[in-house]
Amino acid sequence: MPSGLASEPLFLLDESLSPNVAKALKLVEYSIVTVAEAFGGRRGVLDPEIIEWCGDHDAIWIYADERARKQHKKSMLAARIRSLWV
C-alpha cells in the first residue's frame, strides 16, 4: 500500500500468478511477498500451508487458482484468511 496510509496489509502472491505482479506492486510500495520468498525458496507449497502462513502473518493471499478458491473456501473462512482471487 502506498506509504503514508495508516495500516499496510501484507500480501502473499501465489505461484499461480507471475512473480512480476509482486515486483510491480513493490515498485508502488505495497508490502508483498511471493510464496517462494515466504517459504525460503521452496516451490510447490501446498495450499493448507499457505493458508496457515497467511493466518500467522495476517496476510492476504492473492491467487488465480479457481480449484483452490472452491476447495479451501471453508478452511479459509474458518481461519479468517482474507484472499483476493484474480
PDB file of N, CA and C in Angstrom:
ATOM      1  N   MET A   1       0.856  -1.162   0.000  1.00  0.00           N
ATOM      2  CA  MET A   1       0.000   0.000   0.000  1.00  0.00           C
ATOM      3  C   MET A   1       0.904   1.228   0.000  1.00  0.00           C
ATOM      4  N   PRO A   2       0.548   2.242  -0.737  1.00  0.00           N
ATOM      5  CA  PRO A   2       1.393   3.422  -0.768  1.00  0.00           C
ATOM      6  C   PRO A   2       1.655   3.958   0.631  1.00  0.00           C
ATOM      7  N   SER A   3       2.869   4.436   0.839  1.00  0.00           N
ATOM      8  CA  SER A   3       3.252   4.913   2.166  1.00  0.00           C
ATOM      9  C   SER A   3       2.389   6.091   2.586  1.00  0.00           C
ATOM     10  N   GLY A   4       2.307   6.281   3.879  1.00  0.00           N
ATOM     11  CA  GLY A   4       1.526   7.365   4.430  1.00  0.00           C
ATOM     12  C   GLY A   4       0.124   6.938   4.847  1.00  0.00           C
ATOM     13  N   LEU A   5      -0.308   5.766   4.459  1.00  0.00           N
ATOM     14  CA  LEU A   5      -1.614   5.285   4.869  1.00  0.00           C
ATOM     15  C   LEU A   5      -1.474   4.543   6.186  1.00  0.00           C
ATOM     16  N   ALA A   6      -2.526   4.545   6.967  1.00  0.00           N
ATOM     17  CA  ALA A   6      -2.488   4.047   8.339  1.00  0.00           C
ATOM     18  C   ALA A   6      -1.935   2.640   8.494  1.00  0.00           C
ATOM     19  N   SER A   7      -2.587   1.669   7.957  1.00  0.00           N
ATOM     20  CA  SER A   7      -2.196   0.284   8.180  1.00  0.00           C
ATOM     21  C   SER A   7      -1.908  -0.392   6.849  1.00  0.00           C
ATOM     22  N   GLU A   8      -0.723  -0.904   6.718  1.00  0.00           N
ATOM     23  CA  GLU A   8      -0.329  -1.530   5.469  1.00  0.00           C
ATOM     24  C   GLU A   8      -0.524  -3.041   5.537  1.00  0.00           C
ATOM     25  N   PRO A   9      -1.439  -3.571   4.739  1.00  0.00           N
ATOM     26  CA  PRO A   9      -1.622  -5.024   4.746  1.00  0.00           C
ATOM     27  C   PRO A   9      -0.450  -5.719   4.063  1.00  0.00           C
ATOM     28  N   LEU A  10      -0.218  -6.938   4.454  1.00  0.00           N
ATOM     29  CA  LEU A  10       0.793  -7.776   3.825  1.00  0.00           C
ATOM     30  C   LEU A  10       0.073  -8.701   2.855  1.00  0.00           C
ATOM     31  N   PHE A  11       0.591  -8.791   1.648  1.00  0.00           N
ATOM     32  CA  PHE A  11       0.023  -9.655   0.630  1.00  0.00           C
ATOM     33  C   PHE A  11       0.981 -10.804   0.351  1.00  0.00           C
ATOM     34  N   LEU A  12       0.428 -11.986   0.096  1.00  0.00           N
ATOM     35  CA  LEU A  12       1.212 -13.152  -0.295  1.00  0.00           C
ATOM     36  C   LEU A  12       0.766 -13.544  -1.699  1.00  0.00           C
ATOM     37  N   LEU A  13       1.690 -13.478  -2.658  1.00  0.00           N
ATOM     38  CA  LEU A  13       1.380 -13.794  -4.041  1.00  0.00           C
ATOM     39  C   LEU A  13       1.636 -15.260  -4.319  1.00  0.00           C
ATOM     40  N   ASP A  14       0.599 -15.944  -4.758  1.00  0.00           N
ATOM     41  CA  ASP A  14       0.643 -17.374  -5.037  1.00  0.00           C
ATOM     42  C   ASP A  14       1.463 -17.662  -6.294  1.00  0.00           C
ATOM     43  N   GLU A  15       1.909 -18.912  -6.398  1.00  0.00           N
ATOM     44  CA  GLU A  15       2.650 -19.349  -7.580  1.00  0.00           C
ATOM     45  C   GLU A  15       1.769 -19.432  -8.819  1.00  0.00           C
ATOM     46  N   SER A  16       0.462 -19.344  -8.665  1.00  0.00           N
ATOM     47  CA  SER A  16      -0.444 -19.357  -9.808  1.00  0.00           C
ATOM     48  C   SER A  16      -0.395 -18.042 -10.584  1.00  0.00           C
ATOM     49  N   LEU A  17       0.307 -17.056 -10.044  1.00  0.00           N
ATOM     50  CA  LEU A  17       0.480 -15.762 -10.703  1.00  0.00           C
ATOM     51  C   LEU A  17       1.966 -15.484 -10.913  1.00  0.00           C
ATOM     52  N   SER A  18       2.253 -14.678 -11.892  1.00  0.00           N
ATOM     53  CA  SER A  18       3.641 -14.335 -12.214  1.00  0.00           C
ATOM     54  C   SER A  18       4.281 -13.545 -11.068  1.00  0.00           C
ATOM     55  N   PRO A  19       5.538 -13.846 -10.735  1.00  0.00           N
ATOM     56  CA  PRO A  19       6.234 -13.048  -9.721  1.00  0.00           C
ATOM     57  C   PRO A  19       6.402 -11.594 -10.145  1.00  0.00           C
ATOM     58  N   ASN A  20       6.191 -11.312 -11.420  1.00  0.00           N
ATOM     59  CA  ASN A  20       6.259  -9.923 -11.886  1.00  0.00           C
ATOM     60  C   ASN A  20       5.153  -9.069 -11.276  1.00  0.00           C
ATOM     61  N   VAL A  21       4.057  -9.696 -10.888  1.00  0.00           N
ATOM     62  CA  VAL A  21       2.986  -8.968 -10.199  1.00  0.00           C
ATOM     63  C   VAL A  21       3.526  -8.408  -8.880  1.00  0.00           C
ATOM     64  N   ALA A  22       4.250  -9.237  -8.134  1.00  0.00           N
ATOM     65  CA  ALA A  22       4.838  -8.780  -6.867  1.00  0.00           C
ATOM     66  C   ALA A  22       5.861  -7.672  -7.118  1.00  0.00           C
ATOM     67  N   LYS A  23       6.676  -7.837  -8.137  1.00  0.00           N
ATOM     68  CA  LYS A  23       7.677  -6.806  -8.460  1.00  0.00           C
ATOM     69  C   LYS A  23       7.007  -5.473  -8.755  1.00  0.00           C
ATOM     70  N   ALA A  24       5.935  -5.507  -9.540  1.00  0.00           N
ATOM     71  CA  ALA A  24       5.228  -4.279  -9.886  1.00  0.00           C
ATOM     72  C   ALA A  24       4.608  -3.625  -8.656  1.00  0.00           C
ATOM     73  N   LEU A  25       3.997  -4.428  -7.791  1.00  0.00           N
ATOM     74  CA  LEU A  25       3.376  -3.861  -6.593  1.00  0.00           C
ATOM     75  C   LEU A  25       4.415  -3.320  -5.612  1.00  0.00           C
ATOM     76  N   LYS A  26       5.579  -3.961  -5.561  1.00  0.00           N
ATOM     77  CA  LYS A  26       6.658  -3.449  -4.703  1.00  0.00           C
ATOM     78  C   LYS A  26       7.128  -2.079  -5.185  1.00  0.00           C
ATOM     79  N   LEU A  27       7.100  -1.867  -6.497  1.00  0.00           N
ATOM     80  CA  LEU A  27       7.516  -0.572  -7.053  1.00  0.00           C
ATOM     81  C   LEU A  27       6.643   0.571  -6.561  1.00  0.00           C
ATOM     82  N   VAL A  28       5.393   0.283  -6.250  1.00  0.00           N
ATOM     83  CA  VAL A  28       4.494   1.316  -5.730  1.00  0.00           C
ATOM     84  C   VAL A  28       4.269   1.134  -4.230  1.00  0.00           C
ATOM     85  N   GLU A  29       5.236   0.486  -3.593  1.00  0.00           N
ATOM     86  CA  GLU A  29       5.364   0.396  -2.138  1.00  0.00           C
ATOM     87  C   GLU A  29       4.302  -0.449  -1.441  1.00  0.00           C
ATOM     88  N   TYR A  30       3.769  -1.454  -2.124  1.00  0.00           N
ATOM     89  CA  TYR A  30       2.922  -2.416  -1.445  1.00  0.00           C
ATOM     90  C   TYR A  30       3.807  -3.408  -0.703  1.00  0.00           C
ATOM     91  N   SER A  31       3.325  -3.889   0.418  1.00  0.00           N
ATOM     92  CA  SER A  31       4.027  -4.905   1.193  1.00  0.00           C
ATOM     93  C   SER A  31       3.566  -6.265   0.676  1.00  0.00           C
ATOM     94  N   ILE A  32       4.416  -6.899  -0.151  1.00  0.00           N
ATOM     95  CA  ILE A  32       4.025  -8.141  -0.796  1.00  0.00           C
ATOM     96  C   ILE A  32       5.218  -9.069  -0.900  1.00  0.00           C
ATOM     97  N   VAL A  33       4.968 -10.337  -0.689  1.00  0.00           N
ATOM     98  CA  VAL A  33       5.995 -11.373  -0.857  1.00  0.00           C
ATOM     99  C   VAL A  33       5.402 -12.487  -1.710  1.00  0.00           C
ATOM    100  N   THR A  34       6.274 -13.189  -2.402  1.00  0.00           N
ATOM    101  CA  THR A  34       5.833 -14.355  -3.155  1.00  0.00           C
ATOM    102  C   THR A  34       5.876 -15.571  -2.235  1.00  0.00           C
ATOM    103  N   VAL A  35       5.208 -16.624  -2.637  1.00  0.00           N
ATOM    104  CA  VAL A  35       5.256 -17.863  -1.866  1.00  0.00           C
ATOM    105  C   VAL A  35       6.704 -18.344  -1.752  1.00  0.00           C
ATOM    106  N   ALA A  36       7.452 -18.246  -2.839  1.00  0.00           N
ATOM    107  CA  ALA A  36       8.857 -18.671  -2.805  1.00  0.00           C
ATOM    108  C   ALA A  36       9.652 -17.875  -1.764  1.00  0.00           C
ATOM    109  N   GLU A  37       9.430 -16.574  -1.690  1.00  0.00           N
ATOM    110  CA  GLU A  37      10.125 -15.745  -0.697  1.00  0.00           C
ATOM    111  C   GLU A  37       9.701 -16.125   0.720  1.00  0.00           C
ATOM    112  N   ALA A  38       8.421 -16.326   0.909  1.00  0.00           N
ATOM    113  CA  ALA A  38       7.894 -16.627   2.243  1.00  0.00           C
ATOM    114  C   ALA A  38       8.338 -17.989   2.750  1.00  0.00           C
ATOM    115  N   PHE A  39       8.583 -18.919   1.831  1.00  0.00           N
ATOM    116  CA  PHE A  39       8.926 -20.284   2.213  1.00  0.00           C
ATOM    117  C   PHE A  39      10.362 -20.649   1.848  1.00  0.00           C
ATOM    118  N   GLY A  40      11.244 -19.675   1.920  1.00  0.00           N
ATOM    119  CA  GLY A  40      12.673 -19.935   1.752  1.00  0.00           C
ATOM    120  C   GLY A  40      13.060 -20.519   0.400  1.00  0.00           C
ATOM    121  N   GLY A  41      12.388 -20.096  -0.658  1.00  0.00           N
ATOM    122  CA  GLY A  41      12.725 -20.557  -1.993  1.00  0.00           C
ATOM    123  C   GLY A  41      12.029 -21.839  -2.420  1.00  0.00           C
ATOM    124  N   ARG A  42      11.278 -22.432  -1.500  1.00  0.00           N
ATOM    125  CA  ARG A  42      10.548 -23.663  -1.810  1.00  0.00           C
ATOM    126  C   ARG A  42       9.505 -23.434  -2.889  1.00  0.00           C
ATOM    127  N   ARG A  43       9.344 -24.389  -3.770  1.00  0.00           N
ATOM    128  CA  ARG A  43       8.309 -24.346  -4.802  1.00  0.00           C
ATOM    129  C   ARG A  43       7.290 -25.440  -4.510  1.00  0.00           C
ATOM    130  N   GLY A  44       6.101 -25.263  -5.032  1.00  0.00           N
ATOM    131  CA  GLY A  44       5.077 -26.281  -4.844  1.00  0.00           C
ATOM    132  C   GLY A  44       4.530 -26.361  -3.435  1.00  0.00           C
ATOM    133  N   VAL A  45       4.524 -25.249  -2.728  1.00  0.00           N
ATOM    134  CA  VAL A  45       3.987 -25.214  -1.367  1.00  0.00           C
ATOM    135  C   VAL A  45       2.485 -25.500  -1.437  1.00  0.00           C
ATOM    136  N   LEU A  46       2.019 -26.370  -0.585  1.00  0.00           N
ATOM    137  CA  LEU A  46       0.611 -26.764  -0.594  1.00  0.00           C
ATOM    138  C   LEU A  46      -0.281 -25.665  -0.017  1.00  0.00           C
ATOM    139  N   ASP A  47      -1.496 -25.585  -0.543  1.00  0.00           N
ATOM    140  CA  ASP A  47      -2.435 -24.543  -0.125  1.00  0.00           C
ATOM    141  C   ASP A  47      -2.680 -24.512   1.384  1.00  0.00           C
ATOM    142  N   PRO A  48      -2.845 -25.652   2.068  1.00  0.00           N
ATOM    143  CA  PRO A  48      -3.044 -25.580   3.523  1.00  0.00           C
ATOM    144  C   PRO A  48      -1.867 -24.894   4.246  1.00  0.00           C
ATOM    145  N   GLU A  49      -0.658 -25.074   3.762  1.00  0.00           N
ATOM    146  CA  GLU A  49       0.499 -24.390   4.358  1.00  0.00           C
ATOM    147  C   GLU A  49       0.426 -22.887   4.101  1.00  0.00           C
ATOM    148  N   ILE A  50      -0.010 -22.530   2.909  1.00  0.00           N
ATOM    149  CA  ILE A  50      -0.158 -21.113   2.560  1.00  0.00           C
ATOM    150  C   ILE A  50      -1.224 -20.468   3.440  1.00  0.00           C
ATOM    151  N   ILE A  51      -2.327 -21.159   3.613  1.00  0.00           N
ATOM    152  CA  ILE A  51      -3.411 -20.644   4.460  1.00  0.00           C
ATOM    153  C   ILE A  51      -2.916 -20.443   5.888  1.00  0.00           C
ATOM    154  N   GLU A  52      -2.175 -21.412   6.402  1.00  0.00           N
ATOM    155  CA  GLU A  52      -1.620 -21.285   7.756  1.00  0.00           C
ATOM    156  C   GLU A  52      -0.655 -20.103   7.836  1.00  0.00           C
ATOM    157  N   TRP A  53       0.218 -19.953   6.836  1.00  0.00           N
ATOM    158  CA  TRP A  53       1.175 -18.837   6.829  1.00  0.00           C
ATOM    159  C   TRP A  53       0.428 -17.504   6.828  1.00  0.00           C
ATOM    160  N   CYS A  54      -0.595 -17.402   5.992  1.00  0.00           N
ATOM    161  CA  CYS A  54      -1.383 -16.163   5.939  1.00  0.00           C
ATOM    162  C   CYS A  54      -2.024 -15.867   7.292  1.00  0.00           C
ATOM    163  N   GLY A  55      -2.532 -16.898   7.947  1.00  0.00           N
ATOM    164  CA  GLY A  55      -3.116 -16.711   9.278  1.00  0.00           C
ATOM    165  C   GLY A  55      -2.082 -16.250  10.289  1.00  0.00           C
ATOM    166  N   ASP A  56      -0.909 -16.857  10.245  1.00  0.00           N
ATOM    167  CA  ASP A  56       0.163 -16.493  11.176  1.00  0.00           C
ATOM    168  C   ASP A  56       0.690 -15.080  10.950  1.00  0.00           C
ATOM    169  N   HIS A  57       0.620 -14.596   9.701  1.00  0.00           N
ATOM    170  CA  HIS A  57       1.188 -13.288   9.348  1.00  0.00           C
ATOM    171  C   HIS A  57       0.124 -12.244   9.022  1.00  0.00           C
ATOM    172  N   ASP A  58      -1.133 -12.584   9.248  1.00  0.00           N
ATOM    173  CA  ASP A  58      -2.257 -11.692   8.932  1.00  0.00           C
ATOM    174  C   ASP A  58      -2.123 -11.152   7.498  1.00  0.00           C
ATOM    175  N   ALA A  59      -1.815 -12.062   6.576  1.00  0.00           N
ATOM    176  CA  ALA A  59      -1.581 -11.682   5.183  1.00  0.00           C
ATOM    177  C   ALA A  59      -2.789 -12.000   4.314  1.00  0.00           C
ATOM    178  N   ILE A  60      -2.879 -11.302   3.218  1.00  0.00           N
ATOM    179  CA  ILE A  60      -3.927 -11.517   2.234  1.00  0.00           C
ATOM    180  C   ILE A  60      -3.336 -12.345   1.103  1.00  0.00           C
ATOM    181  N   TRP A  61      -3.950 -13.476   0.830  1.00  0.00           N
ATOM    182  CA  TRP A  61      -3.472 -14.405  -0.196  1.00  0.00           C
ATOM    183  C   TRP A  61      -4.028 -13.994  -1.553  1.00  0.00           C
ATOM    184  N   ILE A  62      -3.147 -13.698  -2.507  1.00  0.00           N
ATOM    185  CA  ILE A  62      -3.548 -13.362  -3.872  1.00  0.00           C
ATOM    186  C   ILE A  62      -3.269 -14.578  -4.745  1.00  0.00           C
ATOM    187  N   TYR A  63      -4.304 -15.087  -5.421  1.00  0.00           N
ATOM    188  CA  TYR A  63      -4.127 -16.295  -6.211  1.00  0.00           C
ATOM    189  C   TYR A  63      -5.080 -16.302  -7.400  1.00  0.00           C
ATOM    190  N   ALA A  64      -4.798 -17.183  -8.370  1.00  0.00           N
ATOM    191  CA  ALA A  64      -5.620 -17.275  -9.572  1.00  0.00           C
ATOM    192  C   ALA A  64      -6.145 -18.684  -9.795  1.00  0.00           C
ATOM    193  N   ASP A  65      -5.970 -19.539  -8.838  1.00  0.00           N
ATOM    194  CA  ASP A  65      -6.334 -20.947  -8.959  1.00  0.00           C
ATOM    195  C   ASP A  65      -7.775 -21.155  -8.507  1.00  0.00           C
ATOM    196  N   GLU A  66      -8.686 -21.338  -9.457  1.00  0.00           N
ATOM    197  CA  GLU A  66     -10.095 -21.491  -9.087  1.00  0.00           C
ATOM    198  C   GLU A  66     -10.333 -22.743  -8.248  1.00  0.00           C
ATOM    199  N   ARG A  67      -9.566 -23.781  -8.488  1.00  0.00           N
ATOM    200  CA  ARG A  67      -9.692 -25.005  -7.692  1.00  0.00           C
ATOM    201  C   ARG A  67      -9.453 -24.697  -6.219  1.00  0.00           C
ATOM    202  N   ALA A  68      -8.425 -23.919  -5.939  1.00  0.00           N
ATOM    203  CA  ALA A  68      -8.119 -23.562  -4.546  1.00  0.00           C
ATOM    204  C   ALA A  68      -9.243 -22.717  -3.951  1.00  0.00           C
ATOM    205  N   ARG A  69      -9.784 -21.830  -4.747  1.00  0.00           N
ATOM    206  CA  ARG A  69     -10.875 -20.963  -4.260  1.00  0.00           C
ATOM    207  C   ARG A  69     -12.055 -21.809  -3.800  1.00  0.00           C
ATOM    208  N   LYS A  70     -12.384 -22.823  -4.579  1.00  0.00           N
ATOM    209  CA  LYS A  70     -13.525 -23.671  -4.233  1.00  0.00           C
ATOM    210  C   LYS A  70     -13.176 -24.689  -3.143  1.00  0.00           C
ATOM    211  N   GLN A  71     -12.029 -25.314  -3.276  1.00  0.00           N
ATOM    212  CA  GLN A  71     -11.641 -26.397  -2.365  1.00  0.00           C
ATOM    213  C   GLN A  71     -11.364 -25.908  -0.948  1.00  0.00           C
ATOM    214  N   HIS A  72     -10.803 -24.724  -0.801  1.00  0.00           N
ATOM    215  CA  HIS A  72     -10.365 -24.259   0.513  1.00  0.00           C
ATOM    216  C   HIS A  72     -11.231 -23.140   1.098  1.00  0.00           C
ATOM    217  N   LYS A  73     -12.360 -22.876   0.481  1.00  0.00           N
ATOM    218  CA  LYS A  73     -13.219 -21.785   0.946  1.00  0.00           C
ATOM    219  C   LYS A  73     -13.556 -21.924   2.431  1.00  0.00           C
ATOM    220  N   LYS A  74     -13.992 -23.112   2.841  1.00  0.00           N
ATOM    221  CA  LYS A  74     -14.392 -23.319   4.239  1.00  0.00           C
ATOM    222  C   LYS A  74     -13.216 -23.158   5.196  1.00  0.00           C
ATOM    223  N   SER A  75     -12.059 -23.709   4.831  1.00  0.00           N
ATOM    224  CA  SER A  75     -10.907 -23.599   5.736  1.00  0.00           C
ATOM    225  C   SER A  75     -10.398 -22.160   5.812  1.00  0.00           C
ATOM    226  N   MET A  76     -10.498 -21.417   4.706  1.00  0.00           N
ATOM    227  CA  MET A  76     -10.090 -20.006   4.750  1.00  0.00           C
ATOM    228  C   MET A  76     -11.046 -19.197   5.619  1.00  0.00           C
ATOM    229  N   LEU A  77     -12.335 -19.480   5.511  1.00  0.00           N
ATOM    230  CA  LEU A  77     -13.305 -18.780   6.353  1.00  0.00           C
ATOM    231  C   LEU A  77     -13.088 -19.124   7.824  1.00  0.00           C
ATOM    232  N   ALA A  78     -12.861 -20.399   8.113  1.00  0.00           N
ATOM    233  CA  ALA A  78     -12.640 -20.821   9.499  1.00  0.00           C
ATOM    234  C   ALA A  78     -11.376 -20.187  10.079  1.00  0.00           C
ATOM    235  N   ALA A  79     -10.344 -20.046   9.248  1.00  0.00           N
ATOM    236  CA  ALA A  79      -9.074 -19.462   9.716  1.00  0.00           C
ATOM    237  C   ALA A  79      -9.083 -17.929   9.611  1.00  0.00           C
ATOM    238  N   ARG A  80     -10.187 -17.382   9.098  1.00  0.00           N
ATOM    239  CA  ARG A  80     -10.329 -15.940   8.926  1.00  0.00           C
ATOM    240  C   ARG A  80      -9.249 -15.357   8.015  1.00  0.00           C
ATOM    241  N   ILE A  81      -8.956 -16.109   6.949  1.00  0.00           N
ATOM    242  CA  ILE A  81      -7.958 -15.689   5.971  1.00  0.00           C
ATOM    243  C   ILE A  81      -8.620 -14.819   4.923  1.00  0.00           C
ATOM    244  N   ARG A  82      -8.033 -13.686   4.681  1.00  0.00           N
ATOM    245  CA  ARG A  82      -8.513 -12.832   3.604  1.00  0.00           C
ATOM    246  C   ARG A  82      -7.794 -13.251   2.326  1.00  0.00           C
ATOM    247  N   SER A  83      -8.510 -13.169   1.210  1.00  0.00           N
ATOM    248  CA  SER A  83      -7.891 -13.571  -0.048  1.00  0.00           C
ATOM    249  C   SER A  83      -8.412 -12.688  -1.180  1.00  0.00           C
ATOM    250  N   LEU A  84      -7.652 -12.710  -2.260  1.00  0.00           N
ATOM    251  CA  LEU A  84      -8.019 -12.000  -3.461  1.00  0.00           C
ATOM    252  C   LEU A  84      -7.825 -12.950  -4.621  1.00  0.00           C
ATOM    253  N   TRP A  85      -8.929 -13.393  -5.199  1.00  0.00           N
ATOM    254  CA  TRP A  85      -8.863 -14.306  -6.329  1.00  0.00           C
ATOM    255  C   TRP A  85      -8.947 -13.489  -7.596  1.00  0.00           C
ATOM    256  N   VAL A  86      -7.964 -13.656  -8.471  1.00  0.00           N
ATOM    257  CA  VAL A  86      -7.946 -12.881  -9.734  1.00  0.00           C
ATOM    258  C   VAL A  86      -7.952 -13.813 -10.915  1.00  0.00           C
TER     259      VAL A  86
END
